[in-house]
N, C-alpha and C. Protein backbone atom coordinates (compact mmCIF):
# COMPACT_ATOMS: atom_id res chain seq x y z
N MET A 1 -0.12 11.06 -32.03
CA MET A 1 0.76 10.32 -31.44
C MET A 1 0.50 9.23 -32.37
N GLN A 2 2.44 9.25 -32.09
CA GLN A 2 2.61 7.71 -32.89
C GLN A 2 3.05 6.68 -31.70
N PHE A 3 1.87 5.19 -33.27
CA PHE A 3 2.83 4.47 -32.47
C PHE A 3 2.83 3.21 -33.56
N LYS A 4 3.20 2.01 -33.08
CA LYS A 4 3.42 1.57 -34.06
C LYS A 4 2.83 0.09 -33.29
N ILE A 5 2.55 -1.12 -34.51
CA ILE A 5 1.61 -1.96 -33.91
C ILE A 5 2.70 -3.48 -35.01
N ARG A 6 2.07 -4.46 -33.74
CA ARG A 6 3.36 -5.29 -34.25
C ARG A 6 3.17 -7.08 -33.39
N LYS A 7 4.20 -7.42 -33.52
CA LYS A 7 3.30 -8.91 -34.02
C LYS A 7 3.89 -9.47 -32.16
N ALA A 8 3.23 -9.78 -31.86
CA ALA A 8 3.71 -10.31 -30.29
C ALA A 8 5.09 -11.01 -29.77
N LYS A 9 5.59 -10.99 -29.29
CA LYS A 9 7.12 -11.93 -29.00
C LYS A 9 6.80 -12.64 -27.68
N VAL A 10 7.67 -13.64 -27.46
CA VAL A 10 7.13 -14.45 -26.38
C VAL A 10 7.57 -13.78 -24.96
N THR A 11 8.86 -12.73 -25.17
CA THR A 11 8.90 -11.96 -24.02
C THR A 11 8.27 -10.45 -23.93
N ASP A 12 6.89 -10.87 -24.36
CA ASP A 12 6.07 -9.58 -24.09
C ASP A 12 5.14 -10.48 -23.76
N MET A 13 4.96 -11.50 -23.25
CA MET A 13 4.14 -12.10 -22.68
C MET A 13 3.19 -11.77 -20.89
N LYS A 14 4.18 -10.63 -20.08
CA LYS A 14 4.57 -9.79 -19.21
C LYS A 14 3.60 -8.71 -18.99
N GLU A 15 4.20 -8.31 -20.20
CA GLU A 15 2.55 -7.53 -20.49
C GLU A 15 1.31 -7.42 -21.53
N VAL A 16 0.91 -8.69 -21.99
CA VAL A 16 -0.09 -9.06 -22.30
C VAL A 16 -0.49 -9.49 -20.99
N TYR A 17 -0.21 -10.21 -20.75
CA TYR A 17 -1.22 -10.86 -19.20
C TYR A 17 -1.22 -9.43 -17.94
N GLY A 18 -0.66 -8.01 -18.04
CA GLY A 18 -0.68 -7.35 -17.67
C GLY A 18 -2.43 -6.59 -17.92
N LEU A 19 -1.87 -6.56 -19.63
CA LEU A 19 -3.21 -5.99 -20.22
C LEU A 19 -4.82 -6.47 -20.72
N ILE A 20 -3.84 -8.11 -20.17
CA ILE A 20 -5.42 -9.26 -20.02
C ILE A 20 -6.56 -9.17 -17.94
N CYS A 21 -5.52 -8.82 -17.70
CA CYS A 21 -5.52 -7.97 -15.65
C CYS A 21 -6.16 -6.49 -15.87
N GLU A 22 -6.37 -5.67 -16.77
CA GLU A 22 -6.80 -4.86 -16.70
C GLU A 22 -7.92 -4.37 -17.78
N LEU A 23 -8.80 -5.16 -18.14
CA LEU A 23 -9.23 -6.03 -19.18
C LEU A 23 -10.66 -6.40 -18.58
N ALA A 24 -10.34 -7.41 -17.41
CA ALA A 24 -11.60 -7.63 -16.32
C ALA A 24 -10.98 -7.10 -15.41
N ALA A 25 -11.24 -5.82 -15.23
CA ALA A 25 -10.99 -5.09 -14.27
C ALA A 25 -11.92 -3.82 -14.73
N PHE A 26 -12.18 -3.88 -16.17
CA PHE A 26 -12.65 -2.54 -16.55
C PHE A 26 -14.21 -3.54 -16.92
N GLU A 27 -13.85 -4.37 -17.47
CA GLU A 27 -15.15 -5.62 -17.40
C GLU A 27 -15.29 -6.23 -16.60
N HIS A 28 -15.93 -5.21 -15.36
CA HIS A 28 -15.74 -5.11 -13.60
C HIS A 28 -15.45 -7.15 -13.11
N GLN A 29 -14.52 -7.45 -13.45
CA GLN A 29 -13.85 -9.09 -13.57
C GLN A 29 -12.95 -9.35 -13.07
N PRO A 30 -12.48 -8.11 -12.10
CA PRO A 30 -10.66 -8.30 -11.70
C PRO A 30 -10.52 -10.13 -11.41
N GLU A 31 -11.59 -11.44 -10.77
CA GLU A 31 -11.19 -11.86 -10.39
C GLU A 31 -10.78 -12.94 -10.69
N ALA A 32 -11.68 -12.87 -11.94
CA ALA A 32 -12.02 -13.90 -13.21
C ALA A 32 -10.29 -14.62 -13.74
N VAL A 33 -9.44 -13.76 -13.59
CA VAL A 33 -8.57 -13.97 -14.70
C VAL A 33 -7.18 -15.38 -13.52
N GLU A 34 -7.85 -16.47 -14.47
CA GLU A 34 -6.86 -17.87 -13.84
C GLU A 34 -5.69 -17.91 -14.51
N ILE A 35 -5.21 -17.61 -15.79
CA ILE A 35 -4.17 -17.90 -16.36
C ILE A 35 -3.01 -16.84 -15.97
N LYS A 36 -1.81 -17.75 -16.58
CA LYS A 36 -0.74 -17.57 -15.61
C LYS A 36 0.77 -16.79 -17.14
N ILE A 37 1.59 -15.88 -16.87
CA ILE A 37 1.66 -15.76 -17.57
C ILE A 37 3.23 -16.59 -18.23
N LYS A 38 2.94 -17.66 -18.17
CA LYS A 38 3.27 -19.15 -18.20
C LYS A 38 2.48 -20.02 -19.31
N ASP A 39 0.99 -19.86 -18.68
CA ASP A 39 0.66 -20.61 -19.38
C ASP A 39 0.32 -19.83 -20.99
N LEU A 40 0.44 -17.95 -20.77
CA LEU A 40 0.74 -18.04 -21.92
C LEU A 40 2.23 -17.71 -22.89
N LYS A 41 2.86 -18.19 -22.24
CA LYS A 41 4.10 -18.66 -23.70
C LYS A 41 4.02 -19.83 -23.74
N LYS A 42 3.27 -21.12 -23.33
CA LYS A 42 3.24 -22.23 -23.64
C LYS A 42 1.84 -22.20 -24.87
N ALA A 43 1.16 -21.17 -24.52
CA ALA A 43 -0.20 -21.47 -25.28
C ALA A 43 0.04 -21.08 -26.94
N GLY A 44 1.43 -19.43 -26.68
CA GLY A 44 1.12 -18.91 -27.17
C GLY A 44 2.39 -19.13 -28.43
N PHE A 45 2.91 -19.95 -28.21
CA PHE A 45 4.16 -19.50 -28.54
C PHE A 45 4.82 -20.86 -29.02
N GLY A 46 4.46 -22.47 -28.06
CA GLY A 46 4.92 -23.74 -28.72
C GLY A 46 4.74 -23.70 -29.84
N LYS A 47 4.96 -25.34 -30.18
CA LYS A 47 4.86 -26.28 -31.67
C LYS A 47 3.33 -25.49 -32.32
N LYS A 48 1.98 -25.87 -32.11
CA LYS A 48 1.45 -25.43 -32.78
C LYS A 48 0.48 -24.22 -31.28
N PRO A 49 0.85 -22.86 -32.10
CA PRO A 49 0.57 -22.35 -31.18
C PRO A 49 -1.30 -22.37 -30.93
N SER A 50 -1.95 -21.85 -29.95
CA SER A 50 -2.99 -21.70 -29.42
C SER A 50 -3.31 -20.58 -30.37
N PHE A 51 -2.85 -18.58 -30.69
CA PHE A 51 -3.70 -17.19 -30.59
C PHE A 51 -1.89 -16.53 -30.55
N LYS A 52 -2.58 -15.23 -31.44
CA LYS A 52 -2.39 -14.76 -31.97
C LYS A 52 -2.17 -13.57 -31.06
N VAL A 53 -1.46 -12.49 -31.64
CA VAL A 53 -1.24 -11.42 -30.63
C VAL A 53 -1.04 -10.04 -31.29
N PHE A 54 -1.23 -9.29 -31.75
CA PHE A 54 -0.65 -7.81 -32.49
C PHE A 54 -0.54 -6.84 -31.30
N LEU A 55 0.27 -6.04 -30.99
CA LEU A 55 0.79 -5.28 -29.75
C LEU A 55 0.75 -3.96 -30.29
N ALA A 56 0.25 -3.36 -30.05
CA ALA A 56 0.41 -1.71 -30.23
C ALA A 56 1.94 -1.00 -28.79
N GLU A 57 2.82 -0.12 -29.98
CA GLU A 57 3.67 0.08 -28.60
C GLU A 57 3.49 1.91 -29.21
N HIS A 58 3.69 2.67 -27.81
CA HIS A 58 4.27 3.99 -28.05
C HIS A 58 5.38 4.87 -26.96
N ASP A 59 6.45 4.92 -27.80
CA ASP A 59 7.79 4.63 -27.09
C ASP A 59 8.58 3.84 -26.83
N ASN A 60 8.44 3.10 -26.26
CA ASN A 60 8.73 1.63 -26.50
C ASN A 60 8.08 0.49 -25.81
N LYS A 61 6.70 1.36 -25.66
CA LYS A 61 5.65 0.37 -24.18
C LYS A 61 4.32 -0.20 -24.70
N ILE A 62 4.04 -0.96 -24.68
CA ILE A 62 3.28 -1.87 -24.95
C ILE A 62 1.77 -1.05 -24.72
N VAL A 63 1.81 -0.75 -25.26
CA VAL A 63 -0.62 -0.07 -24.55
C VAL A 63 -1.66 -0.41 -25.09
N GLY A 64 -1.12 -1.17 -26.16
CA GLY A 64 -2.84 -2.12 -26.29
C GLY A 64 -2.37 -3.74 -26.96
N MET A 65 -3.56 -4.08 -26.83
CA MET A 65 -3.32 -5.15 -28.12
C MET A 65 -4.26 -6.06 -28.41
N ALA A 66 -4.54 -7.19 -29.05
CA ALA A 66 -5.08 -7.54 -30.40
C ALA A 66 -5.39 -8.58 -29.61
N LEU A 67 -5.67 -9.93 -29.20
CA LEU A 67 -5.31 -11.74 -28.84
C LEU A 67 -6.62 -12.65 -29.72
N PHE A 68 -6.63 -13.08 -31.10
CA PHE A 68 -7.37 -13.42 -31.49
C PHE A 68 -7.10 -14.73 -32.19
N TYR A 69 -7.54 -15.73 -32.29
CA TYR A 69 -7.28 -17.69 -32.80
C TYR A 69 -7.99 -17.84 -34.00
N PRO A 70 -7.86 -19.06 -34.40
CA PRO A 70 -8.41 -19.83 -35.36
C PRO A 70 -9.57 -20.73 -34.93
N ARG A 71 -10.98 -20.02 -35.64
CA ARG A 71 -11.96 -21.61 -35.58
C ARG A 71 -12.43 -21.63 -36.61
N TYR A 72 -13.83 -22.37 -36.44
CA TYR A 72 -14.02 -23.37 -38.12
C TYR A 72 -15.59 -23.50 -38.26
N SER A 73 -15.94 -22.58 -38.37
CA SER A 73 -17.64 -23.04 -38.65
C SER A 73 -17.81 -23.10 -39.55
N THR A 74 -19.51 -24.03 -39.09
CA THR A 74 -19.73 -25.37 -39.96
C THR A 74 -20.23 -24.25 -41.15
N TRP A 75 -20.78 -23.21 -40.84
CA TRP A 75 -22.22 -22.06 -42.33
C TRP A 75 -20.45 -21.18 -43.03
N LYS A 76 -19.68 -21.02 -41.89
CA LYS A 76 -18.51 -20.11 -43.03
C LYS A 76 -17.12 -20.70 -43.44
N GLY A 77 -16.50 -21.76 -42.89
CA GLY A 77 -15.77 -22.72 -42.48
C GLY A 77 -14.95 -21.91 -41.85
N LYS A 78 -13.20 -21.44 -42.53
CA LYS A 78 -12.74 -20.59 -41.47
C LYS A 78 -12.62 -19.21 -40.61
N THR A 79 -12.71 -19.07 -39.67
CA THR A 79 -13.29 -17.51 -39.25
C THR A 79 -11.78 -17.70 -38.11
N ILE A 80 -11.53 -16.24 -37.12
CA ILE A 80 -11.44 -15.85 -36.23
C ILE A 80 -12.37 -15.33 -35.33
N HIS A 81 -11.04 -16.17 -33.60
CA HIS A 81 -12.42 -15.30 -32.48
C HIS A 81 -11.53 -14.46 -32.12
N LEU A 82 -11.70 -13.18 -32.22
CA LEU A 82 -11.16 -12.03 -31.17
C LEU A 82 -11.51 -12.30 -29.82
N GLU A 83 -10.41 -12.60 -29.71
CA GLU A 83 -10.47 -12.96 -27.51
C GLU A 83 -10.41 -11.79 -27.12
N ASP A 84 -9.44 -10.05 -27.21
CA ASP A 84 -9.44 -9.27 -26.44
C ASP A 84 -8.86 -7.49 -27.54
N LEU A 85 -9.49 -7.18 -27.57
CA LEU A 85 -9.02 -5.88 -27.77
C LEU A 85 -9.31 -4.75 -26.88
N ILE A 86 -7.49 -4.50 -26.04
CA ILE A 86 -7.56 -3.70 -24.72
C ILE A 86 -6.25 -3.23 -25.27
N VAL A 87 -7.06 -1.45 -25.32
CA VAL A 87 -5.98 -0.51 -25.33
C VAL A 87 -5.89 -0.05 -23.68
N GLN A 88 -4.63 0.27 -23.35
CA GLN A 88 -4.61 1.41 -22.09
C GLN A 88 -5.29 2.37 -21.78
N GLU A 89 -6.20 3.14 -20.79
CA GLU A 89 -6.83 3.80 -20.49
C GLU A 89 -6.25 5.33 -20.97
N ASN A 90 -5.47 6.04 -20.63
CA ASN A 90 -4.63 6.76 -21.34
C ASN A 90 -4.60 6.61 -22.17
N TYR A 91 -4.71 5.46 -23.24
CA TYR A 91 -4.23 5.87 -24.66
C TYR A 91 -5.19 5.35 -25.62
N ARG A 92 -6.76 5.77 -25.18
CA ARG A 92 -8.23 5.33 -25.96
C ARG A 92 -8.64 6.00 -25.93
N GLY A 93 -8.92 6.74 -27.19
CA GLY A 93 -9.49 8.16 -28.04
C GLY A 93 -8.09 8.23 -28.96
N LYS A 94 -7.28 7.47 -29.58
CA LYS A 94 -5.72 8.27 -29.83
C LYS A 94 -5.65 7.99 -31.22
N GLY A 95 -7.12 6.78 -31.40
CA GLY A 95 -6.91 5.89 -32.60
C GLY A 95 -5.61 4.30 -32.50
N VAL A 96 -5.86 4.36 -31.80
CA VAL A 96 -4.91 3.15 -31.20
C VAL A 96 -5.42 1.31 -31.24
N GLY A 97 -6.54 1.98 -30.78
CA GLY A 97 -7.61 0.70 -30.99
C GLY A 97 -8.21 0.35 -32.20
N LYS A 98 -8.88 1.33 -32.89
CA LYS A 98 -8.90 1.36 -34.57
C LYS A 98 -8.29 0.40 -35.21
N ALA A 99 -6.27 0.92 -34.82
CA ALA A 99 -5.04 0.17 -35.42
C ALA A 99 -5.11 -1.81 -35.47
N LEU A 100 -5.32 -1.68 -33.79
CA LEU A 100 -5.56 -3.24 -33.45
C LEU A 100 -6.28 -3.42 -34.63
N TYR A 101 -7.69 -3.13 -34.34
CA TYR A 101 -8.90 -3.64 -34.69
C TYR A 101 -8.43 -3.89 -36.16
N SER A 102 -7.99 -2.95 -36.79
CA SER A 102 -7.86 -3.25 -38.52
C SER A 102 -6.05 -3.83 -39.10
N LYS A 103 -5.70 -3.49 -38.48
CA LYS A 103 -5.03 -5.07 -37.76
C LYS A 103 -5.24 -6.43 -38.45
N VAL A 104 -5.98 -7.07 -37.55
CA VAL A 104 -7.10 -7.99 -36.92
C VAL A 104 -7.38 -8.37 -38.65
N LEU A 105 -8.66 -7.63 -38.95
CA LEU A 105 -9.09 -7.63 -39.97
C LEU A 105 -8.22 -7.52 -41.24
N ASN A 106 -7.42 -6.79 -41.28
CA ASN A 106 -5.94 -7.24 -42.56
C ASN A 106 -5.45 -8.55 -42.62
N TYR A 107 -4.89 -8.57 -41.19
CA TYR A 107 -4.70 -10.43 -41.10
C TYR A 107 -5.71 -11.38 -41.96
N ALA A 108 -6.64 -11.22 -41.33
CA ALA A 108 -8.23 -12.21 -41.68
C ALA A 108 -8.22 -12.30 -43.49
N TYR A 109 -8.60 -10.88 -44.09
CA TYR A 109 -8.60 -10.80 -45.61
C TYR A 109 -7.71 -11.28 -46.14
N LYS A 110 -6.76 -11.03 -45.30
CA LYS A 110 -4.91 -12.00 -46.18
C LYS A 110 -5.57 -12.77 -46.09
N LYS A 111 -6.02 -13.89 -45.27
CA LYS A 111 -5.65 -15.63 -45.04
C LYS A 111 -7.06 -15.95 -45.13
N ASN A 112 -8.45 -14.63 -45.71
CA ASN A 112 -9.03 -15.63 -46.73
C ASN A 112 -9.76 -15.88 -46.01
N ILE A 113 -10.36 -15.65 -44.31
CA ILE A 113 -11.15 -15.80 -43.69
C ILE A 113 -12.16 -15.52 -43.43
N LYS A 114 -12.97 -16.02 -43.26
CA LYS A 114 -14.70 -16.05 -44.23
C LYS A 114 -16.02 -15.16 -42.52
N ARG A 115 -15.11 -15.01 -41.63
CA ARG A 115 -15.53 -14.56 -41.02
C ARG A 115 -14.86 -13.64 -39.78
N VAL A 116 -14.92 -12.32 -39.12
CA VAL A 116 -13.63 -12.08 -37.75
C VAL A 116 -15.21 -12.37 -36.99
N ALA A 117 -15.55 -13.02 -35.24
CA ALA A 117 -15.83 -12.42 -34.56
C ALA A 117 -15.11 -12.28 -32.90
N TRP A 118 -16.28 -11.42 -32.61
CA TRP A 118 -16.20 -11.59 -31.42
C TRP A 118 -17.69 -11.32 -30.25
N GLU A 119 -17.10 -10.82 -29.11
CA GLU A 119 -18.22 -10.88 -27.36
C GLU A 119 -17.86 -8.91 -27.02
N VAL A 120 -19.36 -8.49 -27.31
CA VAL A 120 -18.77 -6.95 -27.24
C VAL A 120 -20.12 -6.86 -25.52
N LEU A 121 -19.67 -6.83 -24.15
CA LEU A 121 -20.35 -6.13 -23.30
C LEU A 121 -22.62 -5.78 -23.53
N ASP A 122 -22.51 -5.13 -23.43
CA ASP A 122 -23.50 -4.20 -23.33
C ASP A 122 -23.92 -2.99 -23.00
N TRP A 123 -23.19 -2.77 -22.04
CA TRP A 123 -23.23 -0.94 -21.71
C TRP A 123 -21.86 -0.79 -22.15
N ASN A 124 -21.09 -1.35 -23.30
CA ASN A 124 -20.21 -0.70 -23.64
C ASN A 124 -20.19 0.05 -25.40
N THR A 125 -20.94 0.89 -24.50
CA THR A 125 -21.29 1.43 -26.08
C THR A 125 -21.04 2.14 -26.53
N ASN A 126 -19.53 2.64 -26.34
CA ASN A 126 -18.61 3.17 -27.11
C ASN A 126 -18.40 2.49 -28.07
N ALA A 127 -17.63 0.82 -27.58
CA ALA A 127 -16.79 -0.29 -28.73
C ALA A 127 -18.06 -1.03 -29.52
N ILE A 128 -19.92 -0.84 -28.79
CA ILE A 128 -20.35 -1.19 -29.62
C ILE A 128 -20.22 -0.10 -31.35
N ALA A 129 -20.65 1.32 -31.14
CA ALA A 129 -20.98 2.69 -31.94
C ALA A 129 -19.43 2.24 -32.74
N PHE A 130 -18.67 1.93 -31.92
CA PHE A 130 -17.51 1.77 -33.11
C PHE A 130 -17.39 0.73 -33.73
N TYR A 131 -18.06 -0.83 -34.00
CA TYR A 131 -18.21 -2.03 -34.25
C TYR A 131 -18.79 -1.54 -35.58
N LYS A 132 -19.88 -0.61 -34.87
CA LYS A 132 -20.92 -0.62 -36.00
C LYS A 132 -20.45 -0.11 -36.96
N SER A 133 -19.82 1.28 -36.74
CA SER A 133 -18.97 1.93 -37.30
C SER A 133 -18.46 1.39 -38.66
N THR A 134 -17.78 0.50 -38.34
CA THR A 134 -16.87 -0.51 -39.62
C THR A 134 -17.90 -1.33 -40.45
N GLY A 135 -19.31 -1.16 -40.15
CA GLY A 135 -19.94 -2.11 -40.65
C GLY A 135 -19.84 -4.03 -40.67
N ALA A 136 -19.88 -4.12 -39.32
CA ALA A 136 -20.38 -5.02 -38.19
C ALA A 136 -21.49 -4.98 -37.74
N LYS A 137 -21.91 -6.63 -37.94
CA LYS A 137 -23.19 -6.44 -37.03
C LYS A 137 -23.32 -6.93 -35.43
N VAL A 138 -24.00 -5.96 -34.89
CA VAL A 138 -23.78 -6.55 -33.55
C VAL A 138 -24.90 -6.73 -32.95
N PHE A 139 -25.20 -8.28 -33.06
CA PHE A 139 -26.50 -9.42 -32.56
C PHE A 139 -27.48 -8.91 -31.59
N ASP A 140 -28.57 -8.66 -30.92
CA ASP A 140 -29.08 -8.53 -29.82
C ASP A 140 -29.53 -9.25 -30.05
N ASN A 141 -29.51 -10.69 -29.92
CA ASN A 141 -30.73 -12.00 -30.23
C ASN A 141 -29.88 -12.83 -29.71
N TRP A 142 -29.01 -13.02 -29.65
CA TRP A 142 -28.05 -14.28 -29.83
C TRP A 142 -27.26 -13.68 -28.03
N LYS A 143 -27.20 -15.29 -27.67
CA LYS A 143 -26.92 -15.29 -26.05
C LYS A 143 -25.70 -16.36 -25.75
N ILE A 144 -24.45 -15.63 -25.61
CA ILE A 144 -23.49 -16.33 -24.77
C ILE A 144 -23.35 -17.47 -23.79
N ALA A 145 -23.08 -18.64 -24.58
CA ALA A 145 -22.89 -20.13 -23.17
C ALA A 145 -21.47 -20.17 -23.25
N GLN A 146 -21.48 -20.22 -21.66
CA GLN A 146 -20.50 -20.89 -21.34
C GLN A 146 -20.52 -21.63 -20.32
N ILE A 147 -19.43 -22.84 -19.65
CA ILE A 147 -19.65 -23.76 -18.66
C ILE A 147 -18.38 -24.11 -18.04
N ASN A 148 -18.34 -23.56 -17.01
CA ASN A 148 -16.75 -23.51 -15.88
C ASN A 148 -16.36 -24.36 -15.73
N ASN A 149 -14.91 -24.85 -15.41
CA ASN A 149 -14.90 -26.02 -14.92
C ASN A 149 -14.71 -26.81 -14.30
N GLU A 150 -15.80 -26.78 -13.23
CA GLU A 150 -16.49 -26.67 -11.61
C GLU A 150 -17.46 -27.38 -12.14
N ALA A 151 -18.25 -26.70 -13.31
CA ALA A 151 -19.58 -26.89 -13.46
C ALA A 151 -18.95 -28.16 -15.07
N LEU A 152 -18.48 -28.21 -15.34
CA LEU A 152 -17.90 -29.23 -16.23
C LEU A 152 -17.76 -30.69 -16.12
N ALA A 153 -17.18 -30.57 -14.31
CA ALA A 153 -16.68 -31.38 -13.60
C ALA A 153 -18.07 -32.14 -12.86
N THR A 154 -18.96 -31.19 -12.71
CA THR A 154 -20.32 -31.87 -11.78
C THR A 154 -20.41 -32.70 -13.56
N TYR A 155 -20.96 -32.04 -14.39
CA TYR A 155 -21.29 -32.69 -15.59
C TYR A 155 -21.18 -34.16 -16.03
N VAL A 156 -19.94 -34.36 -16.33
CA VAL A 156 -19.97 -35.55 -16.63
C VAL A 156 -19.58 -36.22 -15.39
N GLU A 157 -19.03 -36.01 -14.61
CA GLU A 157 -19.48 -37.05 -12.84
C GLU A 157 -20.91 -37.60 -13.44
N SER A 158 -21.52 -36.37 -13.60
CA SER A 158 -22.76 -37.06 -12.82
C SER A 158 -23.28 -37.71 -14.27
N ASN A 159 -22.81 -38.10 -15.35
CA ASN A 159 -23.40 -38.51 -16.10
C ASN A 159 -22.10 -39.48 -17.05
N GLN A 160 -22.08 -40.19 -15.77
CA GLN A 160 -21.24 -41.64 -16.39
C GLN A 160 -21.85 -43.10 -15.84
């Protein structure tokens, strides 16, 4: 199958949003997506873009994406967080995901980034096996911690 990888444009955000929703459904959390297309356009293509996106195209149709952004590690220095790597179901197993992943890693390497990090669900054994096959370490002993906006407001308001 022939496909190409390219940088996203602001006009691609509708398709990017669709892929985000597809990933949320795959991860059994379709109701978790709160962001809108306009938010992606503003955050990704303003004066100081918050993220970058590489897209996979087949026959002029967007079939996958890798969305990532810069972070800073007090241990390593400049790092990247790979937020989403998604390929439409019909195109999985055809090298599209690997091409997107490789594009992000090549970008990081050329920019002298010290680490690329991401989360993977423990039940996504195909993804875990793939990441390990590329030399990535998948940690079992680290837990993800998050606080949503409601809990954040409750905490801040009760500690003033």
